[in-house]
Amino acid sequence: MGQTVYGPFDFDYINTSDIKAVVKVTSGSTFKWQSATVASVDATTKLVTLSENLYFSDVLDQMRIYRETSLSSLVDFQSGSRISEADLDTAYRQALFVAQETAEDGSGSGTRALQTADDIASGAITAAKLATNAVETAKIKDVNVTAGKLATDAVETAKIKDLNVTAAKLAADAAETAKIKDGAVTAPKLASTLDLSSNTLTFPSGGIVQGEVDMAIKTEMETEASAGICVPATLKHHPGIAKAYGRVTGTGGGSNTLVAGSYNVNTVGVSPSDGQFTRVTLSNAMDDTNYTVVVGQDAGRSTASSNPTVTIVSESTFDIGTNSDGANIFFVVYGKLA
């Protein structure tokens, strides 16, 4: 503002000492009214001269000149004394001016009322100044109701927006049994390892059925890897389990009859490669021709020249020779199924 003379003002006064001045000092988003010393008042021009130039580091964007009439008696009427017009006028004007200033909050001019933005200092409206229920919804700035502003039990169910109670909002042990909806705890909700050592599990009357537990697969059985529960469909793939077996009567050039009770054998008959051999065809082929056939024949028929022999023909066929027509043979197949 950098000057000393301000005005003119437009209201009456009694004494120049009643004329006051303040400046509005703004700093960032806050402001305050700061008093300025009045050096003199020109009664004709109604200009006010301050005692110093107003130079401040903060912004001075408003000046106010106002009247503050003394509350001390300006006229003292004595008993039996003469009452002059001037004394009556002074007493009247003092009462009038004080009444005006009281009505207008004292800090305004003769035509100025209290202004919310300009006259109320930052931080001046304390909790004690607010009437009950004075702060309505429209008066609360968005995002300004923090946790510290909420009373205990203030947030009721109806006040919580759907899907806004996240995991972070739940206190430890808040989700009790009664709060969990039936069927809501699915397999993905369970931890990978559950310690149930101190609990008792009750299974349905039908027990645990296939499809409800982790089962071993073919490659896990073949490699004897750690796996789930073994079922008949995968047990046959274990390397120590026979892949086929059977008993044939009348081998070689005989009847070649497969005795009941065989496993994974489709047909038996005379080998097209050699009429003295029995051709065995499997129902489910082996993975390759590197499988093993263990074979034997009836006691009394095996000699140095008639021990049974085996020729692997393909993944699903092999020939057994005995050099003894009509012998009864037994065979077991080991290896890897296709």
C-alpha atoms as a PDB file:
ATOM      1  CA  MET A   1       0.000   0.000   0.000  1.00  0.00           C
ATOM      2  CA  GLY A   2       3.052   2.287   0.549  1.00  0.00           C
ATOM      3  CA  GLN A   3       1.223   5.567   1.480  1.00  0.00           C
ATOM      4  CA  THR A   4       0.183   7.538   4.608  1.00  0.00           C
ATOM      5  CA  VAL A   5      -3.002   9.456   3.629  1.00  0.00           C
ATOM      6  CA  TYR A   6      -6.319   7.599   3.153  1.00  0.00           C
ATOM      7  CA  GLY A   7      -9.967   8.499   2.736  1.00  0.00           C
ATOM      8  CA  PRO A   8     -12.167  10.348   2.692  1.00  0.00           C
ATOM      9  CA  PHE A   9     -14.673   8.760   5.097  1.00  0.00           C
ATOM     10  CA  ASP A  10     -18.384   9.672   5.073  1.00  0.00           C
ATOM     11  CA  PHE A  11     -19.554   9.560   8.694  1.00  0.00           C
ATOM     12  CA  ASP A  12     -19.733  12.168  11.503  1.00  0.00           C
ATOM     13  CA  TYR A  13     -17.663  12.070  14.669  1.00  0.00           C
ATOM     14  CA  ILE A  14     -17.167  14.073  17.862  1.00  0.00           C
ATOM     15  CA  ASN A  15     -13.416  13.879  18.472  1.00  0.00           C
ATOM     16  CA  THR A  16     -10.632  12.998  16.030  1.00  0.00           C
ATOM     17  CA  SER A  17      -9.400  10.479  18.582  1.00  0.00           C
ATOM     18  CA  ASP A  18     -12.549   8.468  17.818  1.00  0.00           C
ATOM     19  CA  ILE A  19     -11.336   7.825  14.243  1.00  0.00           C
ATOM     20  CA  LYS A  20      -9.585   4.432  13.934  1.00  0.00           C
ATOM     21  CA  ALA A  21      -7.990   2.536  11.068  1.00  0.00           C
ATOM     22  CA  VAL A  22      -7.196  -1.128  10.393  1.00  0.00           C
ATOM     23  CA  VAL A  23      -5.651  -2.922   7.414  1.00  0.00           C
ATOM     24  CA  LYS A  24      -6.426  -6.418   6.167  1.00  0.00           C
ATOM     25  CA  VAL A  25      -3.210  -8.460   6.021  1.00  0.00           C
ATOM     26  CA  THR A  26      -3.504 -11.563   3.844  1.00  0.00           C
ATOM     27  CA  SER A  27      -1.018 -14.438   4.102  1.00  0.00           C
ATOM     28  CA  GLY A  28      -1.727 -17.452   1.898  1.00  0.00           C
ATOM     29  CA  SER A  29      -5.304 -18.616   2.523  1.00  0.00           C
ATOM     30  CA  THR A  30      -5.677 -16.786   5.855  1.00  0.00           C
ATOM     31  CA  PHE A  31      -5.974 -13.135   6.859  1.00  0.00           C
ATOM     32  CA  LYS A  32      -6.155 -10.878   9.897  1.00  0.00           C
ATOM     33  CA  TRP A  33      -7.101  -7.259  10.627  1.00  0.00           C
ATOM     34  CA  GLN A  34      -4.141  -5.258  11.924  1.00  0.00           C
ATOM     35  CA  SER A  35      -4.427  -1.862  13.668  1.00  0.00           C
ATOM     36  CA  ALA A  36      -2.781   1.208  12.126  1.00  0.00           C
ATOM     37  CA  THR A  37      -1.945   4.363  14.123  1.00  0.00           C
ATOM     38  CA  VAL A  38      -3.878   7.532  13.059  1.00  0.00           C
ATOM     39  CA  ALA A  39      -1.629  10.604  13.226  1.00  0.00           C
ATOM     40  CA  SER A  40      -4.226  13.205  12.205  1.00  0.00           C
ATOM     41  CA  VAL A  41      -7.692  13.730  10.720  1.00  0.00           C
ATOM     42  CA  ASP A  42      -8.521  16.607   8.349  1.00  0.00           C
ATOM     43  CA  ALA A  43     -11.948  17.849   9.495  1.00  0.00           C
ATOM     44  CA  THR A  44     -12.638  19.490   6.128  1.00  0.00           C
ATOM     45  CA  THR A  45     -11.531  16.796   3.675  1.00  0.00           C
ATOM     46  CA  LYS A  46     -12.104  13.912   6.082  1.00  0.00           C
ATOM     47  CA  LEU A  47      -8.767  12.387   5.051  1.00  0.00           C
ATOM     48  CA  VAL A  48      -6.833  10.305   7.547  1.00  0.00           C
ATOM     49  CA  THR A  49      -3.064  10.492   7.860  1.00  0.00           C
ATOM     50  CA  LEU A  50      -1.309   7.479   9.393  1.00  0.00           C
ATOM     51  CA  SER A  51       1.851   7.669  11.472  1.00  0.00           C
ATOM     52  CA  GLU A  52       3.832   5.411   9.110  1.00  0.00           C
ATOM     53  CA  ASN A  53       3.929   3.991   5.596  1.00  0.00           C
ATOM     54  CA  LEU A  54       2.373   0.524   5.563  1.00  0.00           C
ATOM     55  CA  TYR A  55       4.995  -1.846   4.181  1.00  0.00           C
ATOM     56  CA  PHE A  56       4.581  -5.467   5.155  1.00  0.00           C
ATOM     57  CA  SER A  57       5.885  -8.732   3.739  1.00  0.00           C
ATOM     58  CA  ASP A  58       2.295  -9.948   3.380  1.00  0.00           C
ATOM     59  CA  VAL A  59      -0.411  -8.567   1.089  1.00  0.00           C
ATOM     60  CA  LEU A  60      -2.393  -5.520   2.254  1.00  0.00           C
ATOM     61  CA  ASP A  61      -5.517  -5.560   0.144  1.00  0.00           C
ATOM     62  CA  GLN A  62      -8.044  -3.521   2.201  1.00  0.00           C
ATOM     63  CA  MET A  63      -8.068  -0.470   4.502  1.00  0.00           C
ATOM     64  CA  ARG A  64     -10.939   0.318   6.906  1.00  0.00           C
ATOM     65  CA  ILE A  65     -11.551   3.667   8.568  1.00  0.00           C
ATOM     66  CA  TYR A  66     -14.183   3.528  11.277  1.00  0.00           C
ATOM     67  CA  ARG A  67     -15.479   5.430  14.315  1.00  0.00           C
ATOM     68  CA  GLU A  68     -15.196   4.223  17.900  1.00  0.00           C
ATOM     69  CA  THR A  69     -16.883   6.847  20.106  1.00  0.00           C
ATOM     70  CA  SER A  70     -15.674   7.081  23.693  1.00  0.00           C
ATOM     71  CA  LEU A  71     -17.970   5.527  26.295  1.00  0.00           C
ATOM     72  CA  SER A  72     -16.778   7.974  28.950  1.00  0.00           C
ATOM     73  CA  SER A  73     -19.102  10.916  29.640  1.00  0.00           C
ATOM     74  CA  LEU A  74     -18.209  13.877  27.460  1.00  0.00           C
ATOM     75  CA  VAL A  75     -20.571  16.246  29.326  1.00  0.00           C
ATOM     76  CA  ASP A  76     -21.015  16.386  33.110  1.00  0.00           C
ATOM     77  CA  PHE A  77     -24.180  18.310  34.007  1.00  0.00           C
ATOM     78  CA  GLN A  78     -24.016  19.867  37.453  1.00  0.00           C
ATOM     79  CA  SER A  79     -27.013  20.689  39.634  1.00  0.00           C
ATOM     80  CA  GLY A  80     -28.055  24.359  39.204  1.00  0.00           C
ATOM     81  CA  SER A  81     -25.630  24.911  36.328  1.00  0.00           C
ATOM     82  CA  ARG A  82     -26.538  26.421  32.996  1.00  0.00           C
ATOM     83  CA  ILE A  83     -27.295  23.863  30.235  1.00  0.00           C
ATOM     84  CA  SER A  84     -25.939  24.974  26.868  1.00  0.00           C
ATOM     85  CA  GLU A  85     -27.103  23.868  23.452  1.00  0.00           C
ATOM     86  CA  ALA A  86     -23.578  22.691  22.619  1.00  0.00           C
ATOM     87  CA  ASP A  87     -23.466  20.417  25.694  1.00  0.00           C
ATOM     88  CA  LEU A  88     -26.870  18.976  24.877  1.00  0.00           C
ATOM     89  CA  ASP A  89     -25.812  18.372  21.283  1.00  0.00           C
ATOM     90  CA  THR A  90     -22.585  16.675  22.413  1.00  0.00           C
ATOM     91  CA  ALA A  91     -24.389  14.398  24.889  1.00  0.00           C
ATOM     92  CA  TYR A  92     -27.020  13.518  22.285  1.00  0.00           C
ATOM     93  CA  ARG A  93     -24.490  12.822  19.556  1.00  0.00           C
ATOM     94  CA  GLN A  94     -22.387  10.663  21.874  1.00  0.00           C
ATOM     95  CA  ALA A  95     -25.415   8.539  22.774  1.00  0.00           C
ATOM     96  CA  LEU A  96     -26.478   8.346  19.124  1.00  0.00           C
ATOM     97  CA  PHE A  97     -23.031   7.394  17.839  1.00  0.00           C
ATOM     98  CA  VAL A  98     -22.488   4.758  20.531  1.00  0.00           C
ATOM     99  CA  ALA A  99     -25.921   3.277  19.747  1.00  0.00           C
ATOM    100  CA  GLN A 100     -25.107   3.187  16.019  1.00  0.00           C
ATOM    101  CA  GLU A 101     -21.763   1.556  16.622  1.00  0.00           C
ATOM    102  CA  THR A 102     -23.299  -1.033  18.922  1.00  0.00           C
ATOM    103  CA  ALA A 103     -25.966  -1.861  16.339  1.00  0.00           C
ATOM    104  CA  GLU A 104     -23.392  -2.107  13.598  1.00  0.00           C
ATOM    105  CA  ASP A 105     -20.929  -4.168  15.673  1.00  0.00           C
ATOM    106  CA  GLY A 106     -18.720  -1.142  16.435  1.00  0.00           C
ATOM    107  CA  SER A 107     -16.092  -2.000  13.777  1.00  0.00           C
ATOM    108  CA  GLY A 108     -18.182  -0.836  10.806  1.00  0.00           C
ATOM    109  CA  SER A 109     -18.656   2.588   9.342  1.00  0.00           C
ATOM    110  CA  GLY A 110     -21.914   4.493   9.550  1.00  0.00           C
ATOM    111  CA  THR A 111     -23.345   2.420   6.656  1.00  0.00           C
ATOM    112  CA  ARG A 112     -21.446  -0.870   6.949  1.00  0.00           C
ATOM    113  CA  ALA A 113     -22.624  -4.103   8.642  1.00  0.00           C
ATOM    114  CA  LEU A 114     -20.444  -7.053   9.725  1.00  0.00           C
ATOM    115  CA  GLN A 115     -19.198  -8.976   6.682  1.00  0.00           C
ATOM    116  CA  THR A 116     -18.571 -12.727   7.003  1.00  0.00           C
ATOM    117  CA  ALA A 117     -15.539 -12.928   4.723  1.00  0.00           C
ATOM    118  CA  ASP A 118     -13.863  -9.680   5.750  1.00  0.00           C
ATOM    119  CA  ASP A 119     -14.664  -9.042   9.400  1.00  0.00           C
ATOM    120  CA  ILE A 120     -14.367 -12.506  10.963  1.00  0.00           C
ATOM    121  CA  ALA A 121     -10.754 -13.496  11.587  1.00  0.00           C
ATOM    122  CA  SER A 122      -9.593 -16.988  10.671  1.00  0.00           C
ATOM    123  CA  GLY A 123     -10.153 -19.402  13.563  1.00  0.00           C
ATOM    124  CA  ALA A 124     -12.489 -17.026  15.374  1.00  0.00           C
ATOM    125  CA  ILE A 125     -15.593 -19.227  15.095  1.00  0.00           C
ATOM    126  CA  THR A 126     -14.979 -21.866  17.767  1.00  0.00           C
ATOM    127  CA  ALA A 127     -17.220 -24.784  18.757  1.00  0.00           C
ATOM    128  CA  ALA A 128     -18.719 -22.710  21.549  1.00  0.00           C
ATOM    129  CA  LYS A 129     -19.931 -20.156  18.976  1.00  0.00           C
ATOM    130  CA  LEU A 130     -21.997 -22.721  17.045  1.00  0.00           C
ATOM    131  CA  ALA A 131     -25.601 -23.371  17.998  1.00  0.00           C
ATOM    132  CA  THR A 132     -26.919 -26.939  18.208  1.00  0.00           C
ATOM    133  CA  ASN A 133     -27.644 -28.366  14.729  1.00  0.00           C
ATOM    134  CA  ALA A 134     -26.082 -25.274  13.139  1.00  0.00           C
ATOM    135  CA  VAL A 135     -23.765 -27.237  10.833  1.00  0.00           C
ATOM    136  CA  GLU A 136     -25.994 -28.688   8.095  1.00  0.00           C
ATOM    137  CA  THR A 137     -24.932 -31.098   5.319  1.00  0.00           C
ATOM    138  CA  ALA A 138     -24.449 -28.337   2.755  1.00  0.00           C
ATOM    139  CA  LYS A 139     -22.019 -26.577   5.116  1.00  0.00           C
ATOM    140  CA  ILE A 140     -19.619 -29.544   5.353  1.00  0.00           C
ATOM    141  CA  LYS A 141     -16.885 -29.583   2.728  1.00  0.00           C
ATOM    142  CA  ASP A 142     -16.453 -32.840   0.816  1.00  0.00           C
ATOM    143  CA  VAL A 143     -13.889 -35.328   2.231  1.00  0.00           C
ATOM    144  CA  ASN A 144     -13.649 -33.363   5.501  1.00  0.00           C
ATOM    145  CA  VAL A 145     -15.510 -35.798   7.785  1.00  0.00           C
ATOM    146  CA  THR A 146     -12.575 -37.897   9.057  1.00  0.00           C
ATOM    147  CA  ALA A 147     -12.655 -40.845  11.459  1.00  0.00           C
ATOM    148  CA  GLY A 148     -11.946 -38.531  14.380  1.00  0.00           C
ATOM    149  CA  LYS A 149     -15.139 -36.595  13.632  1.00  0.00           C
ATOM    150  CA  LEU A 150     -17.429 -39.634  13.937  1.00  0.00           C
ATOM    151  CA  ALA A 151     -19.063 -40.476  17.253  1.00  0.00           C
ATOM    152  CA  THR A 152     -19.038 -44.056  18.542  1.00  0.00           C
ATOM    153  CA  ASP A 153     -21.629 -46.206  16.692  1.00  0.00           C
ATOM    154  CA  ALA A 154     -22.351 -43.309  14.321  1.00  0.00           C
ATOM    155  CA  VAL A 155     -21.982 -45.364  11.121  1.00  0.00           C
ATOM    156  CA  GLU A 156     -25.042 -47.631  10.912  1.00  0.00           C
ATOM    157  CA  THR A 157     -25.572 -50.421   8.375  1.00  0.00           C
ATOM    158  CA  ALA A 158     -27.780 -48.288   6.147  1.00  0.00           C
ATOM    159  CA  LYS A 159     -24.992 -45.692   5.894  1.00  0.00           C
ATOM    160  CA  ILE A 160     -22.459 -48.124   4.385  1.00  0.00           C
ATOM    161  CA  LYS A 161     -22.429 -48.292   0.585  1.00  0.00           C
ATOM    162  CA  ASP A 162     -22.679 -51.785  -0.929  1.00  0.00           C
ATOM    163  CA  LEU A 163     -19.332 -53.524  -1.579  1.00  0.00           C
ATOM    164  CA  ASN A 164     -17.422 -50.945   0.474  1.00  0.00           C
ATOM    165  CA  VAL A 165     -16.561 -53.186   3.448  1.00  0.00           C
ATOM    166  CA  THR A 166     -13.180 -54.455   2.230  1.00  0.00           C
ATOM    167  CA  ALA A 167     -10.780 -56.838   3.979  1.00  0.00           C
ATOM    168  CA  ALA A 168      -8.855 -53.901   5.419  1.00  0.00           C
ATOM    169  CA  LYS A 169     -12.038 -52.641   7.107  1.00  0.00           C
ATOM    170  CA  LEU A 170     -12.627 -55.877   9.068  1.00  0.00           C
ATOM    171  CA  ALA A 171     -11.190 -56.182  12.560  1.00  0.00           C
ATOM    172  CA  ALA A 172      -9.360 -59.370  13.549  1.00  0.00           C
ATOM    173  CA  ASP A 173     -11.807 -62.242  14.231  1.00  0.00           C
ATOM    174  CA  ALA A 174     -14.731 -60.097  13.044  1.00  0.00           C
ATOM    175  CA  ALA A 175     -16.180 -62.746  10.680  1.00  0.00           C
ATOM    176  CA  GLU A 176     -17.798 -65.193  13.109  1.00  0.00           C
ATOM    177  CA  THR A 177     -19.541 -68.425  12.086  1.00  0.00           C
ATOM    178  CA  ALA A 178     -22.997 -66.883  12.168  1.00  0.00           C
ATOM    179  CA  LYS A 179     -21.821 -64.103   9.819  1.00  0.00           C
ATOM    180  CA  ILE A 180     -20.709 -66.489   7.054  1.00  0.00           C
ATOM    181  CA  LYS A 181     -23.419 -67.417   4.552  1.00  0.00           C
ATOM    182  CA  ASP A 182     -23.983 -71.150   3.973  1.00  0.00           C
ATOM    183  CA  GLY A 183     -22.015 -72.404   0.988  1.00  0.00           C
ATOM    184  CA  ALA A 184     -19.917 -69.232   0.816  1.00  0.00           C
ATOM    185  CA  VAL A 185     -16.636 -70.874   1.816  1.00  0.00           C
ATOM    186  CA  THR A 186     -15.541 -72.430  -1.483  1.00  0.00           C
ATOM    187  CA  ALA A 187     -12.322 -74.351  -2.173  1.00  0.00           C
ATOM    188  CA  PRO A 188     -10.364 -71.232  -3.316  1.00  0.00           C
ATOM    189  CA  LYS A 189     -11.139 -69.614   0.067  1.00  0.00           C
ATOM    190  CA  LEU A 190      -9.238 -72.335   1.953  1.00  0.00           C
ATOM    191  CA  ALA A 191      -5.542 -71.972   2.734  1.00  0.00           C
ATOM    192  CA  SER A 192      -3.197 -74.381   0.964  1.00  0.00           C
ATOM    193  CA  THR A 193      -2.423 -76.053   4.307  1.00  0.00           C
ATOM    194  CA  LEU A 194      -5.009 -76.456   7.061  1.00  0.00           C
ATOM    195  CA  ASP A 195      -3.982 -77.565  10.554  1.00  0.00           C
ATOM    196  CA  LEU A 196      -6.938 -79.674  11.673  1.00  0.00           C
ATOM    197  CA  SER A 197      -5.040 -81.637  14.323  1.00  0.00           C
ATOM    198  CA  SER A 198      -7.253 -80.316  17.111  1.00  0.00           C
ATOM    199  CA  ASN A 199     -10.513 -80.669  15.181  1.00  0.00           C
ATOM    200  CA  THR A 200     -12.836 -83.515  14.247  1.00  0.00           C
ATOM    201  CA  LEU A 201     -13.979 -83.863  10.638  1.00  0.00           C
ATOM    202  CA  THR A 202     -17.340 -85.463   9.869  1.00  0.00           C
ATOM    203  CA  PHE A 203     -17.878 -86.709   6.310  1.00  0.00           C
ATOM    204  CA  PRO A 204     -21.226 -87.297   4.574  1.00  0.00           C
ATOM    205  CA  SER A 205     -22.838 -90.707   4.982  1.00  0.00           C
ATOM    206  CA  GLY A 206     -21.793 -91.612   1.426  1.00  0.00           C
ATOM    207  CA  GLY A 207     -18.133 -91.019   2.284  1.00  0.00           C
ATOM    208  CA  ILE A 208     -15.562 -89.420  -0.002  1.00  0.00           C
ATOM    209  CA  VAL A 209     -16.241 -90.279  -3.628  1.00  0.00           C
ATOM    210  CA  GLN A 210     -14.093 -90.003  -6.739  1.00  0.00           C
ATOM    211  CA  GLY A 211     -14.042 -86.467  -8.068  1.00  0.00           C
ATOM    212  CA  GLU A 212     -13.988 -84.891  -4.599  1.00  0.00           C
ATOM    213  CA  VAL A 213     -10.294 -85.584  -3.915  1.00  0.00           C
ATOM    214  CA  ASP A 214      -6.999 -85.107  -5.766  1.00  0.00           C
ATOM    215  CA  MET A 215      -6.213 -88.285  -7.742  1.00  0.00           C
ATOM    216  CA  ALA A 216      -2.950 -89.561  -9.181  1.00  0.00           C
ATOM    217  CA  ILE A 217      -2.618 -89.362 -12.976  1.00  0.00           C
ATOM    218  CA  LYS A 218      -1.017 -91.780 -15.461  1.00  0.00           C
ATOM    219  CA  THR A 219       2.423 -90.126 -15.607  1.00  0.00           C
ATOM    220  CA  GLU A 220       2.592 -89.879 -11.819  1.00  0.00           C
ATOM    221  CA  MET A 221       1.939 -93.627 -11.528  1.00  0.00           C
ATOM    222  CA  GLU A 222       4.467 -94.479 -14.238  1.00  0.00           C
ATOM    223  CA  THR A 223       7.220 -92.441 -12.569  1.00  0.00           C
ATOM    224  CA  GLU A 224       6.144 -93.295  -9.011  1.00  0.00           C
ATOM    225  CA  ALA A 225       5.998 -89.543  -8.304  1.00  0.00           C
ATOM    226  CA  SER A 226       4.294 -88.049  -5.249  1.00  0.00           C
ATOM    227  CA  ALA A 227       0.635 -87.754  -6.150  1.00  0.00           C
ATOM    228  CA  GLY A 228      -2.920 -87.919  -4.922  1.00  0.00           C
ATOM    229  CA  ILE A 229      -5.095 -90.914  -4.216  1.00  0.00           C
ATOM    230  CA  CYS A 230      -4.632 -93.922  -6.499  1.00  0.00           C
ATOM    231  CA  VAL A 231      -7.751 -95.356  -8.175  1.00  0.00           C
ATOM    232  CA  PRO A 232      -8.109 -98.471 -10.372  1.00  0.00           C
ATOM    233  CA  ALA A 233      -8.014 -96.438 -13.577  1.00  0.00           C
ATOM    234  CA  THR A 234      -4.466 -95.262 -12.800  1.00  0.00           C
ATOM    235  CA  LEU A 235      -3.145 -98.154 -10.699  1.00  0.00           C
ATOM    236  CA  LYS A 236      -2.566-100.253 -13.856  1.00  0.00           C
ATOM    237  CA  HIS A 237       0.102 -97.749 -14.984  1.00  0.00           C
ATOM    238  CA  HIS A 238       2.419 -98.444 -12.048  1.00  0.00           C
ATOM    239  CA  PRO A 239       5.624-100.161 -13.290  1.00  0.00           C
ATOM    240  CA  GLY A 240       5.253-102.960 -10.740  1.00  0.00           C
ATOM    241  CA  ILE A 241       1.738-103.901 -11.842  1.00  0.00           C
ATOM    242  CA  ALA A 242       1.137-106.574 -14.529  1.00  0.00           C
ATOM    243  CA  LYS A 243      -0.245-105.102 -17.732  1.00  0.00           C
ATOM    244  CA  ALA A 244      -1.691-108.370 -18.991  1.00  0.00           C
ATOM    245  CA  TYR A 245      -1.776-112.042 -18.008  1.00  0.00           C
ATOM    246  CA  GLY A 246      -3.509-115.253 -19.071  1.00  0.00           C
ATOM    247  CA  ARG A 247      -3.483-119.066 -19.459  1.00  0.00           C
ATOM    248  CA  VAL A 248      -3.752-120.858 -22.817  1.00  0.00           C
ATOM    249  CA  THR A 249      -4.471-124.588 -23.304  1.00  0.00           C
ATOM    250  CA  GLY A 250      -3.657-126.576 -26.436  1.00  0.00           C
ATOM    251  CA  THR A 251      -0.888-124.298 -27.664  1.00  0.00           C
ATOM    252  CA  GLY A 252       1.073-124.505 -30.830  1.00  0.00           C
ATOM    253  CA  GLY A 253      -0.812-126.544 -33.389  1.00  0.00           C
ATOM    254  CA  GLY A 254      -3.513-127.327 -30.781  1.00  0.00           C
ATOM    255  CA  SER A 255      -6.779-125.578 -29.975  1.00  0.00           C
ATOM    256  CA  ASN A 256      -5.146-122.483 -28.413  1.00  0.00           C
ATOM    257  CA  THR A 257      -7.963-121.834 -25.948  1.00  0.00           C
ATOM    258  CA  LEU A 258      -7.778-118.815 -23.582  1.00  0.00           C
ATOM    259  CA  VAL A 259      -8.861-119.906 -20.109  1.00  0.00           C
ATOM    260  CA  ALA A 260     -11.287-117.589 -18.286  1.00  0.00           C
ATOM    261  CA  GLY A 261      -9.720-115.168 -15.812  1.00  0.00           C
ATOM    262  CA  SER A 262      -7.213-113.485 -18.104  1.00  0.00           C
ATOM    263  CA  TYR A 263      -6.551-109.714 -18.082  1.00  0.00           C
ATOM    264  CA  ASN A 264      -6.060-107.375 -21.038  1.00  0.00           C
ATOM    265  CA  VAL A 265      -5.987-110.225 -23.567  1.00  0.00           C
ATOM    266  CA  ASN A 266      -8.068-109.808 -26.711  1.00  0.00           C
ATOM    267  CA  THR A 267      -7.413-113.055 -28.653  1.00  0.00           C
ATOM    268  CA  VAL A 268      -5.102-116.078 -28.814  1.00  0.00           C
ATOM    269  CA  GLY A 269      -4.527-118.352 -31.789  1.00  0.00           C
ATOM    270  CA  VAL A 270      -1.966-120.004 -34.073  1.00  0.00           C
ATOM    271  CA  SER A 271       0.764-117.560 -35.055  1.00  0.00           C
ATOM    272  CA  PRO A 272       0.737-116.714 -38.773  1.00  0.00           C
ATOM    273  CA  SER A 273       4.521-116.601 -38.584  1.00  0.00           C
ATOM    274  CA  ASP A 274       4.982-120.177 -37.302  1.00  0.00           C
ATOM    275  CA  GLY A 275       2.315-122.851 -36.810  1.00  0.00           C
ATOM    276  CA  GLN A 276       4.116-124.136 -33.724  1.00  0.00           C
ATOM    277  CA  PHE A 277       3.691-120.747 -31.947  1.00  0.00           C
ATOM    278  CA  THR A 278       0.696-119.208 -30.225  1.00  0.00           C
ATOM    279  CA  ARG A 279      -0.089-115.584 -31.155  1.00  0.00           C
ATOM    280  CA  VAL A 280      -1.365-113.422 -28.233  1.00  0.00           C
ATOM    281  CA  THR A 281      -3.084-110.079 -29.026  1.00  0.00           C
ATOM    282  CA  LEU A 282      -3.608-107.573 -26.198  1.00  0.00           C
ATOM    283  CA  SER A 283      -6.777-105.515 -25.730  1.00  0.00           C
ATOM    284  CA  ASN A 284      -4.817-102.406 -24.696  1.00  0.00           C
ATOM    285  CA  ALA A 285      -1.472-102.077 -26.458  1.00  0.00           C
ATOM    286  CA  MET A 286       1.839-101.330 -24.786  1.00  0.00           C
ATOM    287  CA  ASP A 287       3.599 -97.971 -25.245  1.00  0.00           C
ATOM    288  CA  ASP A 288       6.429 -99.535 -27.283  1.00  0.00           C
ATOM    289  CA  THR A 289       7.989-102.983 -27.939  1.00  0.00           C
ATOM    290  CA  ASN A 290      10.328-102.749 -24.939  1.00  0.00           C
ATOM    291  CA  TYR A 291       7.997-104.688 -22.672  1.00  0.00           C
ATOM    292  CA  THR A 292       8.643-107.978 -20.876  1.00  0.00           C
ATOM    293  CA  VAL A 293       6.686-111.233 -21.158  1.00  0.00           C
ATOM    294  CA  VAL A 294       7.256-113.831 -18.437  1.00  0.00           C
ATOM    295  CA  VAL A 295       6.056-117.261 -19.651  1.00  0.00           C
ATOM    296  CA  GLY A 296       5.882-120.823 -18.258  1.00  0.00           C
ATOM    297  CA  GLN A 297       4.232-124.157 -19.130  1.00  0.00           C
ATOM    298  CA  ASP A 298       2.833-127.252 -17.415  1.00  0.00           C
ATOM    299  CA  ALA A 299       5.287-129.265 -15.337  1.00  0.00           C
ATOM    300  CA  GLY A 300       6.514-132.405 -17.071  1.00  0.00           C
ATOM    301  CA  ARG A 301       6.519-130.800 -20.534  1.00  0.00           C
ATOM    302  CA  SER A 302       9.537-128.577 -20.105  1.00  0.00           C
ATOM    303  CA  THR A 303      12.763-130.090 -21.311  1.00  0.00           C
ATOM    304  CA  ALA A 304      16.018-128.685 -22.565  1.00  0.00           C
ATOM    305  CA  SER A 305      14.503-128.685 -26.046  1.00  0.00           C
ATOM    306  CA  SER A 306      10.949-127.572 -25.200  1.00  0.00           C
ATOM    307  CA  ASN A 307      11.238-124.575 -22.855  1.00  0.00           C
ATOM    308  CA  PRO A 308       8.808-121.884 -23.990  1.00  0.00           C
ATOM    309  CA  THR A 309      10.144-118.881 -25.879  1.00  0.00           C
ATOM    310  CA  VAL A 310       8.712-115.422 -26.606  1.00  0.00           C
ATOM    311  CA  THR A 311       8.950-113.250 -29.700  1.00  0.00           C
ATOM    312  CA  ILE A 312       7.768-109.622 -29.447  1.00  0.00           C
ATOM    313  CA  VAL A 313       5.919-108.859 -32.693  1.00  0.00           C
ATOM    314  CA  SER A 314       4.445-105.397 -32.000  1.00  0.00           C
ATOM    315  CA  GLU A 315       3.122-103.160 -29.212  1.00  0.00           C
ATOM    316  CA  SER A 316      -0.006-105.334 -29.046  1.00  0.00           C
ATOM    317  CA  THR A 317       1.089-108.812 -30.166  1.00  0.00           C
ATOM    318  CA  PHE A 318       3.684-111.402 -29.214  1.00  0.00           C
ATOM    319  CA  ASP A 319       4.222-115.110 -30.027  1.00  0.00           C
ATOM    320  CA  ILE A 320       4.884-117.923 -27.547  1.00  0.00           C
ATOM    321  CA  GLY A 321       6.577-121.129 -28.777  1.00  0.00           C
ATOM    322  CA  THR A 322       6.806-124.423 -26.826  1.00  0.00           C
ATOM    323  CA  ASN A 323       7.927-127.100 -29.357  1.00  0.00           C
ATOM    324  CA  SER A 324       5.325-129.219 -27.641  1.00  0.00           C
ATOM    325  CA  ASP A 325       1.890-129.240 -29.204  1.00  0.00           C
ATOM    326  CA  GLY A 326      -0.961-129.130 -26.733  1.00  0.00           C
ATOM    327  CA  ALA A 327       1.055-127.694 -23.845  1.00  0.00           C
ATOM    328  CA  ASN A 328      -0.704-125.386 -21.392  1.00  0.00           C
ATOM    329  CA  ILE A 329       1.161-122.058 -21.021  1.00  0.00           C
ATOM    330  CA  PHE A 330       1.000-119.135 -18.583  1.00  0.00           C
ATOM    331  CA  PHE A 331       2.168-115.595 -19.292  1.00  0.00           C
ATOM    332  CA  VAL A 332       2.452-112.219 -17.536  1.00  0.00           C
ATOM    333  CA  VAL A 333       3.262-108.908 -19.285  1.00  0.00           C
ATOM    334  CA  TYR A 334       5.144-105.998 -17.632  1.00  0.00           C
ATOM    335  CA  GLY A 335       6.015-102.628 -19.043  1.00  0.00           C
ATOM    336  CA  LYS A 336       4.421 -99.320 -19.967  1.00  0.00           C
ATOM    337  CA  LEU A 337       0.895 -99.158 -21.355  1.00  0.00           C
ATOM    338  CA  ALA A 338       0.131 -96.819 -24.190  1.00  0.00           C
END
